[in-house]
């Protein structure tokens, strides 16, 4: 179960990181 939760968190974090990178760029 822990592995499943970890994978879901990673999947959710990936798009969030991408959005943050785009926002950081002018």
N, C-alpha and C. Protein backbone atom coordinates (compact mmCIF):
# COMPACT_ATOMS: atom_id res chain seq x y z
N UNK A 1 0.85 -1.21 0.00
CA UNK A 1 0.00 0.00 0.00
C UNK A 1 0.87 1.25 0.00
N UNK A 2 1.92 1.21 0.80
CA UNK A 2 2.79 2.39 0.88
C UNK A 2 3.38 2.71 -0.50
N UNK A 3 3.75 1.66 -1.23
CA UNK A 3 4.35 1.90 -2.55
C UNK A 3 3.32 2.57 -3.47
N UNK A 4 2.06 2.13 -3.40
CA UNK A 4 1.02 2.73 -4.24
C UNK A 4 0.85 4.20 -3.88
N UNK A 5 0.81 4.50 -2.59
CA UNK A 5 0.63 5.89 -2.17
C UNK A 5 1.81 6.73 -2.66
N UNK A 6 3.00 6.19 -2.55
CA UNK A 6 4.20 6.91 -2.99
C UNK A 6 4.13 7.22 -4.48
N UNK A 7 3.70 6.23 -5.27
CA UNK A 7 3.62 6.43 -6.72
C UNK A 7 2.61 7.53 -7.04
N UNK A 8 1.48 7.51 -6.35
CA UNK A 8 0.45 8.53 -6.60
C UNK A 8 0.99 9.92 -6.25
N UNK A 9 1.71 10.02 -5.13
CA UNK A 9 2.24 11.32 -4.73
C UNK A 9 3.23 11.81 -5.79
N UNK A 10 4.06 10.91 -6.30
CA UNK A 10 5.04 11.30 -7.31
C UNK A 10 4.33 11.79 -8.56
N UNK A 11 3.29 11.07 -8.98
CA UNK A 11 2.55 11.46 -10.19
C UNK A 11 1.93 12.85 -9.99
N UNK A 12 1.42 13.12 -8.80
CA UNK A 12 0.80 14.42 -8.53
C UNK A 12 1.87 15.50 -8.44
N UNK A 13 3.03 15.14 -7.91
CA UNK A 13 4.10 16.14 -7.72
C UNK A 13 4.73 16.50 -9.07
N UNK A 14 4.80 15.55 -9.99
CA UNK A 14 5.46 15.82 -11.27
C UNK A 14 4.82 17.02 -11.98
N UNK A 15 3.51 17.01 -12.24
CA UNK A 15 2.87 18.14 -12.92
C UNK A 15 3.00 19.43 -12.11
N UNK A 16 2.95 19.33 -10.78
CA UNK A 16 3.08 20.52 -9.94
C UNK A 16 4.46 21.13 -10.14
N UNK A 17 5.50 20.29 -10.16
CA UNK A 17 6.86 20.79 -10.36
C UNK A 17 6.97 21.48 -11.72
N UNK A 18 6.37 20.88 -12.74
CA UNK A 18 6.44 21.46 -14.08
C UNK A 18 5.78 22.84 -14.08
N UNK A 19 4.64 22.96 -13.43
CA UNK A 19 3.93 24.25 -13.39
C UNK A 19 4.79 25.30 -12.68
N UNK A 20 5.44 24.89 -11.58
CA UNK A 20 6.28 25.83 -10.84
C UNK A 20 7.43 26.30 -11.72
N UNK A 21 8.02 25.38 -12.46
CA UNK A 21 9.14 25.75 -13.33
C UNK A 21 8.67 26.75 -14.38
N UNK A 22 7.48 26.52 -14.94
CA UNK A 22 6.96 27.42 -15.97
C UNK A 22 6.69 28.80 -15.35
N UNK A 23 6.17 28.81 -14.12
CA UNK A 23 5.86 30.08 -13.47
C UNK A 23 7.15 30.84 -13.16
N UNK A 24 8.21 30.11 -12.78
CA UNK A 24 9.48 30.77 -12.45
C UNK A 24 10.03 31.49 -13.68
N UNK A 25 9.78 30.92 -14.86
CA UNK A 25 10.29 31.57 -16.07
C UNK A 25 9.46 32.80 -16.40
N UNK A 26 10.07 33.86 -16.84
CA UNK A 26 9.36 35.11 -17.15
C UNK A 26 8.50 34.98 -18.40
